[in-house]
């Protein structure tokens, strides 16, 4: 693979630094990284924000990196200043106006230059448009009028525009200069908004040679983006499933992070998805940065973890191309211990599937769901999905109806399955608000409820249909309120979906990453108030032990094995310890 066994480590070098590179300083900065890391490759950027590095500086950087055994590819960021003499246009982040011929001419020139100097380059995630100038508005209106779109929206026009620009103004000039040049498009972390600004994976994956994934999670409290950290894993699975073997890797950065573990968690979760490359953005921001020494230590540890891991498995969440709905709800569930993987294709052969309001953007989704469940499949659907498909036949599968009522509470009623079913009544620390999913008793059954006074309201509801089951989760008004659910409530949800043959009994804030070879990784997040906790790990079937392959007994030197705590109802249960910020590799040892 490279300097690491399971991935290549690469970093990105921005154009402003390429344009003024000095050999002595570059040697010194490379030395800092080599002290802690073993980089395999650099993406060297000649152009960004109107700055085009000259050939002399590009060659200087290339020679220095290659001297250090680092492969060199190219990079491009599609931002531009207002052409001289032109009136400025309102453009977020100085992204291109793709109806401005001067800007397009600059783009073609730059792509020809980069294609002529590199056999491979990647496009940073500013390759979108938000321009609303007169030319863009005119283009939108003409496009919409020709296609009968009457709501004045930008979505279809921008998708079409960026497909055209990709083909004619980026790929064509680059490959005319160098037919061997392979071009990668990197997609940002804000997947729910792609279509509104022209990011078009459905079309662009047929044009570009590779795709790449932004796994930047940011600080979840103080920044504008609402991105649960689980996204650093789930978005990688989305693009790998989208175009198998063509997802080049995961790219993260140090921006808007205030705690070292928040930066490192991006690396952990990216690695758990088994990427081809782990990219550090960017060389300049990370030089002499205190994040790098611990990252170097963890990369070696993560490499050891991945030696044992097979292919990731989980609950397949269907997010069709250009969808938008309950933004990132699947990642909030991932933060609660449900092992969620994403796919843009209908997962007809999946053991378990998850459907959200975003899934409902597929006009045929109810028919697909009905066929899947009737044949014996098991689906978890959100209340948003059910509400959005009420006029499309979901009534055939459930008695749930919505009247617009909403309730708040923190007392719960949880029904536990078994030979003799029991009921528990946990209490949350804070109230949460959920929609009232009205249902007909004995047609639909509530496995968990929010209970207040003499009334209770369905939180997790089960419908049997044909040979299978559909479970509906009433999603809180505020998605992070899922973290406030008591551990017993979350465990009841997880129990229904033991992907990889395992599920957790714990509170929120611990993610589970199972693989197809009886291994899994646990990761408890570092968050405000996070403390060590005892958890229970439920394994389907009869297991002899839970092995921790990378942990040795301090006296005997033998690999640590955890014996079962008990066996019950076809499960083997183990007790473990969750330490915030510490990932744990586990292997299930089956009984012979």
Protein backbone atom coordinates (compact mmCIF):
# COMPACT_ATOMS: atom_id res chain seq x y z
CA UNK A 1 0.00 0.00 0.00
CA UNK A 2 2.72 2.48 0.97
CA UNK A 3 4.32 3.65 4.19
CA UNK A 4 1.30 2.27 6.06
CA UNK A 5 -0.13 -1.18 5.38
CA UNK A 6 -3.80 -0.27 5.05
CA UNK A 7 -3.86 3.24 3.58
CA UNK A 8 -1.72 5.92 2.01
CA UNK A 9 -1.10 9.10 3.97
CA UNK A 10 -1.23 12.22 1.80
CA UNK A 11 -1.30 15.95 2.33
CA UNK A 12 -2.45 18.98 0.35
CA UNK A 13 -0.22 21.94 -0.54
CA UNK A 14 -2.09 25.14 -1.45
CA UNK A 15 -1.32 27.41 -4.42
CA UNK A 16 -0.36 30.49 -2.42
CA UNK A 17 2.51 28.49 -0.91
CA UNK A 18 3.46 26.88 -4.24
CA UNK A 19 3.72 30.31 -5.86
CA UNK A 20 6.28 31.56 -3.31
CA UNK A 21 7.99 28.33 -2.30
CA UNK A 22 11.57 28.46 -1.06
CA UNK A 23 13.65 25.31 -1.02
CA UNK A 24 15.18 25.79 2.44
CA UNK A 25 11.86 26.46 4.17
CA UNK A 26 10.13 23.63 2.32
CA UNK A 27 12.84 21.19 3.42
CA UNK A 28 12.44 22.32 7.01
CA UNK A 29 8.64 21.98 6.97
CA UNK A 30 8.80 18.54 5.37
CA UNK A 31 11.18 17.55 8.16
CA UNK A 32 8.56 18.45 10.76
CA UNK A 33 6.03 16.06 9.22
CA UNK A 34 8.60 13.30 8.74
CA UNK A 35 9.40 13.45 12.44
CA UNK A 36 5.88 12.24 13.28
CA UNK A 37 4.30 10.87 10.08
CA UNK A 38 5.21 8.82 7.03
CA UNK A 39 3.63 10.68 4.09
CA UNK A 40 3.25 8.83 0.79
CA UNK A 41 1.98 11.58 -1.48
CA UNK A 42 1.28 15.28 -1.82
CA UNK A 43 -1.37 17.04 -3.88
CA UNK A 44 0.48 20.12 -5.08
CA UNK A 45 -1.84 22.95 -6.03
CA UNK A 46 -0.80 25.50 -8.69
CA UNK A 47 -4.08 27.49 -8.70
CA UNK A 48 -6.46 28.97 -6.12
CA UNK A 49 -8.25 32.32 -5.82
CA UNK A 50 -6.74 33.72 -8.99
CA UNK A 51 -3.16 32.80 -8.06
CA UNK A 52 -1.41 30.59 -10.64
CA UNK A 53 2.03 29.42 -9.61
CA UNK A 54 4.65 29.53 -12.36
CA UNK A 55 6.38 26.51 -13.78
CA UNK A 56 9.60 27.22 -11.91
CA UNK A 57 7.94 27.06 -8.49
CA UNK A 58 5.85 24.01 -9.39
CA UNK A 59 9.00 22.17 -10.46
CA UNK A 60 10.91 23.29 -7.36
CA UNK A 61 8.22 21.85 -5.07
CA UNK A 62 7.95 18.68 -7.08
CA UNK A 63 11.70 18.01 -6.91
CA UNK A 64 11.89 18.60 -3.16
CA UNK A 65 8.94 16.32 -2.38
CA UNK A 66 10.18 13.58 -4.73
CA UNK A 67 13.61 13.78 -3.11
CA UNK A 68 11.85 12.83 0.14
CA UNK A 69 10.15 9.86 -1.51
CA UNK A 70 6.75 11.56 -1.73
CA UNK A 71 4.73 11.07 -4.91
CA UNK A 72 3.38 14.30 -6.41
CA UNK A 73 -0.08 14.89 -7.91
CA UNK A 74 -1.82 18.16 -8.72
CA UNK A 75 -4.57 20.16 -7.08
CA UNK A 76 -7.09 22.81 -8.11
CA UNK A 77 -9.38 25.12 -6.16
CA UNK A 78 -12.04 26.80 -8.30
CA UNK A 79 -12.15 30.22 -6.66
CA UNK A 80 -11.39 33.42 -8.54
CA UNK A 81 -11.19 37.15 -7.97
CA UNK A 82 -13.29 39.52 -10.04
CA UNK A 83 -11.61 39.98 -13.44
CA UNK A 84 -9.92 43.37 -13.79
CA UNK A 85 -12.31 46.08 -14.94
CA UNK A 86 -15.46 44.03 -14.25
CA UNK A 87 -18.16 44.87 -11.75
CA UNK A 88 -17.97 42.56 -8.70
CA UNK A 89 -20.61 39.84 -8.35
CA UNK A 90 -21.92 38.47 -5.07
CA UNK A 91 -20.24 35.05 -4.86
CA UNK A 92 -19.85 33.14 -1.62
CA UNK A 93 -16.16 32.23 -1.09
CA UNK A 94 -15.33 33.77 -4.50
CA UNK A 95 -16.56 30.69 -6.34
CA UNK A 96 -16.76 31.04 -10.13
CA UNK A 97 -19.67 32.49 -12.02
CA UNK A 98 -20.04 29.80 -14.66
CA UNK A 99 -21.90 32.15 -17.00
CA UNK A 100 -18.98 34.60 -17.04
CA UNK A 101 -16.89 33.95 -20.16
CA UNK A 102 -13.78 35.61 -18.71
CA UNK A 103 -13.92 33.32 -15.68
CA UNK A 104 -14.56 30.25 -17.83
CA UNK A 105 -11.61 31.12 -20.04
CA UNK A 106 -9.43 31.34 -16.91
CA UNK A 107 -10.71 27.95 -15.76
CA UNK A 108 -9.91 26.31 -19.09
CA UNK A 109 -6.42 27.84 -19.09
CA UNK A 110 -5.73 26.65 -15.56
CA UNK A 111 -7.01 23.10 -16.23
CA UNK A 112 -4.84 22.92 -19.34
CA UNK A 113 -1.81 24.03 -17.30
CA UNK A 114 -2.45 21.52 -14.48
CA UNK A 115 -3.24 18.70 -16.91
CA UNK A 116 -0.01 19.43 -18.76
CA UNK A 117 2.07 19.20 -15.58
CA UNK A 118 0.42 16.30 -13.72
CA UNK A 119 -0.89 12.85 -14.61
CA UNK A 120 -3.37 13.23 -11.76
CA UNK A 121 -5.06 16.11 -9.98
CA UNK A 122 -7.88 16.67 -7.50
CA UNK A 123 -10.45 19.48 -7.36
CA UNK A 124 -11.00 20.98 -3.90
CA UNK A 125 -14.61 21.32 -2.75
CA UNK A 126 -15.34 24.82 -4.04
CA UNK A 127 -16.48 23.43 -7.40
CA UNK A 128 -20.04 24.69 -7.01
CA UNK A 129 -22.00 27.82 -7.80
CA UNK A 130 -24.16 30.20 -5.82
CA UNK A 131 -23.97 33.13 -8.24
CA UNK A 132 -27.26 34.93 -8.86
CA UNK A 133 -26.06 37.58 -11.31
CA UNK A 134 -28.19 38.62 -14.26
CA UNK A 135 -26.61 36.06 -16.60
CA UNK A 136 -27.16 33.25 -14.08
CA UNK A 137 -30.77 34.29 -13.46
CA UNK A 138 -31.39 34.45 -17.21
CA UNK A 139 -29.85 31.00 -17.70
CA UNK A 140 -32.00 29.58 -14.90
CA UNK A 141 -35.20 31.09 -16.26
CA UNK A 142 -34.56 29.84 -19.81
CA UNK A 143 -33.72 26.35 -18.58
CA UNK A 144 -36.76 26.17 -16.31
CA UNK A 145 -39.11 27.52 -18.98
CA UNK A 146 -37.96 24.93 -21.52
CA UNK A 147 -38.63 22.13 -19.01
CA UNK A 148 -41.86 23.38 -17.51
CA UNK A 149 -40.34 24.18 -14.09
CA UNK A 150 -42.51 26.95 -12.69
CA UNK A 151 -41.29 27.47 -9.13
CA UNK A 152 -38.21 29.52 -10.05
CA UNK A 153 -35.87 27.09 -8.27
CA UNK A 154 -32.15 26.76 -8.98
CA UNK A 155 -31.67 23.03 -8.41
CA UNK A 156 -32.20 21.50 -11.85
CA UNK A 157 -30.45 24.35 -13.66
CA UNK A 158 -27.35 24.26 -11.48
CA UNK A 159 -27.10 20.47 -11.71
CA UNK A 160 -27.20 20.77 -15.49
CA UNK A 161 -24.77 23.71 -15.53
CA UNK A 162 -22.11 22.05 -13.39
CA UNK A 163 -22.31 18.81 -15.39
CA UNK A 164 -21.66 20.86 -18.54
CA UNK A 165 -18.80 22.82 -16.95
CA UNK A 166 -17.26 19.59 -15.63
CA UNK A 167 -17.21 18.09 -19.09
CA UNK A 168 -16.35 21.09 -21.25
CA UNK A 169 -14.33 23.48 -19.09
CA UNK A 170 -12.41 21.16 -16.74
CA UNK A 171 -12.04 17.66 -18.15
CA UNK A 172 -11.76 18.53 -21.85
CA UNK A 173 -8.91 21.07 -21.60
CA UNK A 174 -7.00 19.00 -19.02
CA UNK A 175 -7.14 15.84 -21.13
CA UNK A 176 -6.39 17.74 -24.31
CA UNK A 177 -3.13 18.80 -22.66
CA UNK A 178 -2.46 15.32 -21.27
CA UNK A 179 -4.67 12.38 -22.34
CA UNK A 180 -3.22 10.31 -19.47
CA UNK A 181 -4.38 12.80 -16.83
CA UNK A 182 -6.80 11.36 -14.25
CA UNK A 183 -9.07 13.86 -12.50
CA UNK A 184 -10.66 13.45 -9.07
CA UNK A 185 -13.60 15.50 -7.81
CA UNK A 186 -13.72 15.95 -4.05
CA UNK A 187 -17.19 16.31 -2.54
CA UNK A 188 -17.72 18.38 0.63
CA UNK A 189 -19.19 17.26 3.93
CA UNK A 190 -22.53 19.08 3.38
CA UNK A 191 -24.12 16.29 1.32
CA UNK A 192 -27.71 17.34 2.04
CA UNK A 193 -27.13 20.57 0.09
CA UNK A 194 -25.25 19.34 -3.00
CA UNK A 195 -28.07 19.76 -5.50
CA UNK A 196 -28.85 23.35 -4.53
CA UNK A 197 -25.38 24.54 -5.57
CA UNK A 198 -24.76 22.22 -8.50
CA UNK A 199 -22.78 19.34 -7.02
CA UNK A 200 -24.00 16.46 -9.13
CA UNK A 201 -22.56 13.05 -8.17
CA UNK A 202 -25.17 11.25 -10.30
CA UNK A 203 -23.73 12.78 -13.48
CA UNK A 204 -20.20 13.62 -12.38
CA UNK A 205 -19.30 10.07 -11.34
CA UNK A 206 -19.72 9.17 -15.03
CA UNK A 207 -17.34 11.95 -16.09
CA UNK A 208 -14.48 12.05 -13.59
CA UNK A 209 -11.92 9.31 -13.00
CA UNK A 210 -12.34 9.22 -9.20
CA UNK A 211 -14.30 10.81 -6.40
CA UNK A 212 -13.07 11.89 -2.95
CA UNK A 213 -14.82 12.50 0.35
CA UNK A 214 -14.77 15.43 2.75
CA UNK A 215 -14.76 13.98 6.27
CA UNK A 216 -14.38 17.26 8.16
CA UNK A 217 -16.73 17.25 11.14
CA UNK A 218 -16.00 20.69 12.70
CA UNK A 219 -16.98 21.66 16.21
CA UNK A 220 -20.62 20.68 16.52
CA UNK A 221 -21.65 23.41 18.95
CA UNK A 222 -19.92 26.62 17.92
CA UNK A 223 -19.86 26.33 14.10
CA UNK A 224 -22.47 26.92 11.44
CA UNK A 225 -22.55 23.36 10.11
CA UNK A 226 -24.68 20.79 11.94
CA UNK A 227 -22.44 17.80 11.26
CA UNK A 228 -22.39 14.98 13.82
CA UNK A 229 -18.92 13.47 13.97
CA UNK A 230 -20.21 10.11 12.77
CA UNK A 231 -20.35 11.75 9.32
CA UNK A 232 -16.58 11.23 9.03
CA UNK A 233 -17.39 7.53 8.71
CA UNK A 234 -20.82 7.43 7.10
CA UNK A 235 -20.06 9.76 4.20
CA UNK A 236 -17.09 7.57 3.29
CA UNK A 237 -19.42 4.57 3.04
CA UNK A 238 -21.80 6.60 0.87
CA UNK A 239 -19.20 7.36 -1.77
CA UNK A 240 -17.65 3.89 -1.62
CA UNK A 241 -21.07 2.36 -2.22
CA UNK A 242 -21.78 4.96 -4.89
CA UNK A 243 -18.77 3.96 -7.00
CA UNK A 244 -16.97 0.94 -5.53
CA UNK A 245 -13.17 1.10 -5.64
CA UNK A 246 -13.26 4.68 -6.99
CA UNK A 247 -13.56 6.60 -3.72
CA UNK A 248 -10.01 7.90 -3.44
CA UNK A 249 -10.07 8.66 0.27
CA UNK A 250 -11.15 10.91 3.13
CA UNK A 251 -9.99 14.51 3.56
CA UNK A 252 -10.18 16.45 6.84
CA UNK A 253 -8.69 19.63 8.29
CA UNK A 254 -8.03 21.41 11.62
CA UNK A 255 -10.49 24.28 11.14
CA UNK A 256 -13.13 25.23 13.72
CA UNK A 257 -11.86 22.66 16.21
CA UNK A 258 -10.95 23.59 19.78
CA UNK A 259 -10.10 20.22 21.30
CA UNK A 260 -7.34 17.94 20.07
CA UNK A 261 -9.57 14.87 20.23
CA UNK A 262 -12.08 16.54 17.90
CA UNK A 263 -9.36 16.75 15.27
CA UNK A 264 -8.16 13.21 15.89
CA UNK A 265 -11.68 11.78 15.78
CA UNK A 266 -11.86 12.78 12.13
CA UNK A 267 -8.86 10.51 11.50
CA UNK A 268 -10.27 7.64 13.57
CA UNK A 269 -13.65 7.55 11.84
CA UNK A 270 -12.18 8.07 8.39
CA UNK A 271 -9.84 5.13 9.04
CA UNK A 272 -12.65 2.87 10.30
CA UNK A 273 -14.22 3.12 6.81
CA UNK A 274 -11.03 1.52 5.36
CA UNK A 275 -10.05 4.31 2.94
CA UNK A 276 -7.44 4.10 0.19
CA UNK A 277 -5.98 7.46 1.27
CA UNK A 278 -6.16 9.64 4.36
CA UNK A 279 -5.59 13.26 3.33
CA UNK A 280 -4.47 16.05 5.64
CA UNK A 281 -5.53 19.54 4.64
CA UNK A 282 -3.36 21.37 4.51
CA UNK A 283 0.44 21.29 4.70
CA UNK A 284 0.65 24.97 5.62
CA UNK A 285 -1.96 24.89 8.40
CA UNK A 286 -0.51 21.74 9.95
CA UNK A 287 3.18 22.68 9.87
CA UNK A 288 4.40 22.98 13.48
CA UNK A 289 0.85 22.22 14.62
CA UNK A 290 0.36 20.38 17.96
CA UNK A 291 -2.27 18.14 16.34
CA UNK A 292 0.41 16.34 14.30
CA UNK A 293 2.46 14.49 16.97
CA UNK A 294 -0.57 12.62 18.44
CA UNK A 295 -1.95 12.03 14.94
CA UNK A 296 1.27 10.26 13.99
CA UNK A 297 0.99 7.95 16.99
CA UNK A 298 -2.63 7.15 16.23
CA UNK A 299 -2.02 6.45 12.54
CA UNK A 300 0.28 3.60 13.54
CA UNK A 301 -2.34 2.29 15.97
CA UNK A 302 -5.12 2.62 13.40
CA UNK A 303 -2.99 0.73 10.90
CA UNK A 304 -2.77 -2.11 13.43
CA UNK A 305 -6.53 -2.01 14.01
CA UNK A 306 -7.26 -2.25 10.28
CA UNK A 307 -4.99 -5.30 9.96
CA UNK A 308 -7.78 -7.22 11.69
CA UNK A 309 -10.86 -5.65 10.11
CA UNK A 310 -12.81 -7.07 7.18
CA UNK A 311 -15.29 -5.05 5.13
CA UNK A 312 -17.56 -2.59 6.98
CA UNK A 313 -21.16 -3.74 7.46
CA UNK A 314 -24.19 -2.03 8.95
CA UNK A 315 -27.75 -0.82 8.53
CA UNK A 316 -28.01 0.40 4.94
CA UNK A 317 -29.44 3.93 4.80
CA UNK A 318 -30.85 4.74 1.38
CA UNK A 319 -30.09 8.31 0.26
CA UNK A 320 -30.92 8.60 -3.46
CA UNK A 321 -29.08 11.09 -5.63
CA UNK A 322 -30.00 14.74 -5.09
CA UNK A 323 -32.11 14.05 -2.00
CA UNK A 324 -32.72 16.25 1.01
CA UNK A 325 -34.91 15.82 4.07
CA UNK A 326 -34.05 15.15 7.71
CA UNK A 327 -30.52 16.47 7.35
CA UNK A 328 -27.93 14.11 8.86
CA UNK A 329 -30.45 12.25 11.03
CA UNK A 330 -28.63 9.03 10.11
CA UNK A 331 -25.44 10.43 11.66
CA UNK A 332 -27.21 11.36 14.89
CA UNK A 333 -28.36 7.73 15.05
CA UNK A 334 -24.79 6.64 14.40
CA UNK A 335 -23.71 8.71 17.40
CA UNK A 336 -26.25 6.68 19.39
CA UNK A 337 -24.65 3.34 18.55
CA UNK A 338 -26.59 2.27 15.45
CA UNK A 339 -24.02 1.18 12.83
CA UNK A 340 -25.32 3.08 9.81
CA UNK A 341 -23.87 2.88 6.30
CA UNK A 342 -25.08 5.03 3.40
CA UNK A 343 -25.87 4.17 -0.20
CA UNK A 344 -27.44 6.05 -3.15
CA UNK A 345 -28.86 2.77 -4.50
CA UNK A 346 -31.85 0.83 -3.22
CA UNK A 347 -30.36 -1.82 -0.87
CA UNK A 348 -32.68 -4.66 -1.85
CA UNK A 349 -30.38 -7.38 -0.50
CA UNK A 350 -29.50 -5.67 2.79
CA UNK A 351 -30.23 -7.42 6.08
CA UNK A 352 -31.48 -4.13 7.58
CA UNK A 353 -32.32 -0.80 5.99
CA UNK A 354 -32.92 2.73 7.29
CA UNK A 355 -35.19 5.19 5.48
CA UNK A 356 -35.46 8.89 6.31
CA UNK A 357 -37.36 11.80 4.84
CA UNK A 358 -34.46 12.10 2.39
CA UNK A 359 -35.15 8.55 1.19
CA UNK A 360 -38.66 9.66 0.30
CA UNK A 361 -37.22 11.76 -2.54
CA UNK A 362 -37.36 8.54 -4.57
CA UNK A 363 -40.91 8.59 -6.01
CA UNK A 364 -41.02 4.77 -6.05
CA UNK A 365 -39.67 4.22 -2.55
CA UNK A 366 -42.91 2.91 -1.02
CA UNK A 367 -43.25 0.19 -3.65
CA UNK A 368 -39.60 -0.80 -3.09
CA UNK A 369 -40.06 -0.83 0.68
CA UNK A 370 -43.26 -2.85 0.47
CA UNK A 371 -41.58 -5.51 -1.67
CA UNK A 372 -38.52 -5.62 0.60
CA UNK A 373 -40.48 -6.00 3.85
CA UNK A 374 -43.07 -8.41 2.46
CA UNK A 375 -40.24 -10.72 1.36
CA UNK A 376 -38.86 -10.85 4.91
CA UNK A 377 -36.76 -7.69 5.21
CA UNK A 378 -36.53 -5.51 8.29
CA UNK A 379 -36.65 -1.72 7.96
CA UNK A 380 -36.29 1.19 10.35
CA UNK A 381 -38.08 4.27 9.05
CA UNK A 382 -38.31 7.73 10.56
CA UNK A 383 -41.54 9.53 11.30
CA UNK A 384 -40.47 12.04 8.64
CA UNK A 385 -40.35 9.29 6.04
CA UNK A 386 -43.82 8.03 6.97
CA UNK A 387 -45.26 11.54 6.99
CA UNK A 388 -43.75 12.33 3.59
CA UNK A 389 -45.15 9.17 1.97
CA UNK A 390 -48.69 9.34 3.39
CA UNK A 391 -50.06 10.17 -0.05
CA UNK A 392 -48.05 7.40 -1.73
CA UNK A 393 -49.45 4.25 -0.15
CA UNK A 394 -47.53 3.83 3.10
CA UNK A 395 -50.96 3.31 4.72
CA UNK A 396 -50.84 -0.22 3.30
CA UNK A 397 -48.02 -1.01 5.72
CA UNK A 398 -48.94 0.83 8.94
CA UNK A 399 -51.84 2.26 10.90
CA UNK A 400 -49.78 5.33 11.89
CA UNK A 401 -51.35 8.67 11.01
CA UNK A 402 -50.35 12.27 11.75
CA UNK A 403 -52.63 15.06 12.94
CA UNK A 404 -49.96 17.68 13.59
CA UNK A 405 -49.91 17.13 17.36
CA UNK A 406 -46.57 17.18 19.17
CA UNK A 407 -45.76 16.29 22.77
CA UNK A 408 -42.90 16.70 25.20
CA UNK A 409 -41.80 14.35 27.95
CA UNK A 410 -38.95 12.54 29.67
CA UNK A 411 -40.64 9.46 31.10
CA UNK A 412 -40.50 6.32 29.00
CA UNK A 413 -42.15 2.94 28.73
CA UNK A 414 -39.96 0.22 27.20
CA UNK A 415 -41.20 -3.25 26.40
CA UNK A 416 -38.48 -5.90 26.44
CA UNK A 417 -38.89 -9.04 24.40
CA UNK A 418 -38.26 -12.50 25.78
CA UNK A 419 -40.00 -15.66 26.83
CA UNK A 420 -41.73 -13.55 29.48
CA UNK A 421 -41.89 -9.95 28.18
CA UNK A 422 -41.20 -7.29 30.78
CA UNK A 423 -41.71 -3.55 30.89
CA UNK A 424 -39.32 -0.93 32.23
CA UNK A 425 -39.96 2.72 32.97
CA UNK A 426 -36.69 4.69 32.61
CA UNK A 427 -36.61 8.45 33.10
CA UNK A 428 -34.58 10.87 31.02
CA UNK A 429 -32.68 13.81 32.45
CA UNK A 430 -34.46 16.30 30.16
CA UNK A 431 -37.66 16.50 28.16
CA UNK A 432 -37.65 15.92 24.42
CA UNK A 433 -40.30 16.78 21.85
CA UNK A 434 -41.61 14.28 19.29
CA UNK A 435 -44.47 14.15 16.77
CA UNK A 436 -47.50 12.18 17.84
CA UNK A 437 -47.64 9.05 15.70
CA UNK A 438 -51.27 8.06 16.22
CA UNK A 439 -51.73 4.33 15.61
CA UNK A 440 -54.38 1.67 16.01
CA UNK A 441 -53.75 -0.67 18.92
CA UNK A 442 -53.02 -4.28 17.93
CA UNK A 443 -52.59 -3.27 14.29
CA UNK A 444 -49.36 -1.43 15.15
CA UNK A 445 -47.49 -2.11 18.40
CA UNK A 446 -45.34 0.30 20.43
CA UNK A 447 -42.04 -1.14 21.67
CA UNK A 448 -41.06 2.13 23.33
CA UNK A 449 -43.13 5.14 24.31
CA UNK A 450 -42.80 8.59 25.80
CA UNK A 451 -45.16 8.46 28.77
CA UNK A 452 -46.58 11.43 30.64
CA UNK A 453 -49.35 11.27 33.24
CA UNK A 454 -52.10 8.93 32.01
CA UNK A 455 -51.08 9.12 28.35
CA UNK A 456 -48.20 7.61 26.38
CA UNK A 457 -47.05 8.17 22.82
CA UNK A 458 -45.24 5.88 20.41
CA UNK A 459 -41.49 6.38 20.10
CA UNK A 460 -40.57 3.07 18.43
CA UNK A 461 -43.48 1.31 16.73
CA UNK A 462 -43.57 -2.06 14.99
CA UNK A 463 -45.66 -3.13 12.00
CA UNK A 464 -45.48 -6.65 10.63
CA UNK A 465 -46.03 -6.94 6.89
CA UNK A 466 -45.88 -10.16 4.90
CA UNK A 467 -42.80 -12.01 6.12
CA UNK A 468 -41.01 -8.91 7.43
CA UNK A 469 -41.23 -5.92 9.75
CA UNK A 470 -41.20 -2.15 9.54
CA UNK A 471 -40.28 -0.18 12.66
CA UNK A 472 -41.03 3.53 12.86
CA UNK A 473 -38.97 5.90 15.01
CA UNK A 474 -40.61 9.15 16.10
CA UNK A 475 -37.75 11.57 15.51
CA UNK A 476 -37.36 14.41 18.04
CA UNK A 477 -37.86 17.99 16.89
CA UNK A 478 -34.21 18.61 17.74
CA UNK A 479 -32.17 15.70 16.39
CA UNK A 480 -29.47 15.84 19.12
CA UNK A 481 -32.27 15.13 21.62
CA UNK A 482 -31.72 11.52 20.61
CA UNK A 483 -28.66 11.69 22.88
CA UNK A 484 -31.00 12.41 25.80
CA UNK A 485 -32.83 9.12 25.46
CA UNK A 486 -32.06 6.82 28.40
CA UNK A 487 -29.72 3.95 27.67
CA UNK A 488 -32.54 1.42 28.05
CA UNK A 489 -34.53 3.16 25.32
CA UNK A 490 -31.57 3.31 22.93
CA UNK A 491 -30.75 -0.32 23.66
CA UNK A 492 -34.32 -1.30 22.76
CA UNK A 493 -33.87 0.33 19.36
CA UNK A 494 -30.43 -1.20 18.77
CA UNK A 495 -31.65 -4.67 19.74
CA UNK A 496 -33.82 -4.79 16.65
CA UNK A 497 -30.86 -4.24 14.32
CA UNK A 498 -27.80 -6.27 15.39
CA UNK A 499 -25.73 -5.57 12.27
CA UNK A 500 -22.64 -7.74 12.20
CA UNK A 501 -24.25 -9.84 14.94
CA UNK A 502 -23.64 -7.32 17.71
CA UNK A 503 -25.35 -4.43 19.48
CA UNK A 504 -24.61 -2.27 22.51
CA UNK A 505 -26.35 -1.74 25.82
CA UNK A 506 -25.29 1.77 26.76
CA UNK A 507 -26.15 5.43 26.66
CA UNK A 508 -25.55 7.60 23.59
CA UNK A 509 -22.12 8.84 22.61
CA UNK A 510 -20.59 5.48 21.67
CA UNK A 511 -20.41 4.36 18.05
CA UNK A 512 -20.19 0.78 16.84
CA UNK A 513 -18.29 -0.14 13.66
CA UNK A 514 -18.84 -3.83 12.74
CA UNK A 515 -17.06 -5.75 9.96
CA UNK A 516 -17.89 -8.91 8.05
CA UNK A 517 -15.27 -11.08 9.78
CA UNK A 518 -16.58 -11.10 13.37
CA UNK A 519 -14.62 -8.02 14.36
CA UNK A 520 -15.88 -4.61 15.44
CA UNK A 521 -14.54 -1.33 16.79
CA UNK A 522 -16.09 0.67 19.62
CA UNK A 523 -15.49 4.38 19.92
CA UNK A 524 -16.78 6.55 22.83
CA UNK A 525 -16.66 10.22 21.81
CA UNK A 526 -14.97 12.98 23.75
CA UNK A 527 -17.74 15.41 24.63
CA UNK A 528 -18.73 17.71 27.44
CA UNK A 529 -19.42 15.60 30.50
CA UNK A 530 -18.21 12.35 28.92
CA UNK A 531 -17.05 9.87 31.55
CA UNK A 532 -15.81 6.26 31.57
CA UNK A 533 -18.73 3.84 31.59
CA UNK A 534 -19.45 0.15 31.92
CA UNK A 535 -21.33 -1.14 28.87
CA UNK A 536 -22.78 -4.47 27.81
CA UNK A 537 -21.99 -5.94 24.41
CA UNK A 538 -24.61 -8.32 23.02
CA UNK A 539 -23.42 -10.90 20.49
CA UNK A 540 -25.88 -12.96 18.48
CA UNK A 541 -25.49 -16.70 19.05
CA UNK A 542 -23.11 -18.66 21.25
CA UNK A 543 -19.71 -16.99 21.69
CA UNK A 544 -16.83 -18.34 23.73
CA UNK A 545 -15.07 -15.03 24.36
CA UNK A 546 -14.53 -11.47 23.22
CA UNK A 547 -10.88 -11.03 22.25
CA UNK A 548 -9.03 -7.70 22.29
CA UNK A 549 -6.32 -8.48 19.68
CA UNK A 550 -4.16 -5.42 20.38
CA UNK A 551 -4.22 -5.63 24.16
CA UNK A 552 -1.88 -7.90 26.11
CA UNK A 553 -2.02 -8.99 29.73
CA UNK A 554 0.61 -6.94 31.64
CA UNK A 555 1.97 -10.02 33.43
CA UNK A 556 1.50 -13.00 31.10
CA UNK A 557 1.77 -11.11 27.81
CA UNK A 558 -1.17 -13.09 26.45
CA UNK A 559 -3.89 -11.50 24.34
CA UNK A 560 -6.72 -10.37 26.57
CA UNK A 561 -9.98 -12.29 26.32
CA UNK A 562 -13.21 -11.27 28.03
CA UNK A 563 -15.40 -14.20 29.20
CA UNK A 564 -19.19 -14.06 28.83
CA UNK A 565 -21.17 -12.34 31.52
CA UNK A 566 -24.21 -14.47 30.70
CA UNK A 567 -26.09 -16.18 27.86
CA UNK A 568 -29.80 -15.61 27.31
CA UNK A 569 -32.39 -15.63 24.53
CA UNK A 570 -29.92 -16.70 21.86
CA UNK A 571 -27.33 -14.06 22.80
CA UNK A 572 -23.99 -14.01 24.56
CA UNK A 573 -23.43 -10.88 26.63
CA UNK A 574 -20.06 -9.40 27.59
CA UNK A 575 -19.17 -6.56 29.92
CA UNK A 576 -16.79 -3.88 28.69
CA UNK A 577 -15.41 -0.52 29.67
CA UNK A 578 -15.89 2.56 27.48
CA UNK A 579 -13.20 5.22 27.89
CA UNK A 580 -13.91 8.54 26.09
CA UNK A 581 -11.46 9.06 23.26
CA UNK A 582 -10.18 5.47 23.27
CA UNK A 583 -11.18 3.16 20.41
CA UNK A 584 -11.26 -0.57 21.10
CA UNK A 585 -10.85 -3.39 18.58
CA UNK A 586 -12.81 -6.54 19.45
CA UNK A 587 -13.01 -9.95 17.85
CA UNK A 588 -15.82 -12.42 18.52
CA UNK A 589 -14.54 -15.94 19.25
CA UNK A 590 -17.32 -18.36 18.34
CA UNK A 591 -17.90 -21.52 20.33
CA UNK A 592 -16.78 -24.62 18.48
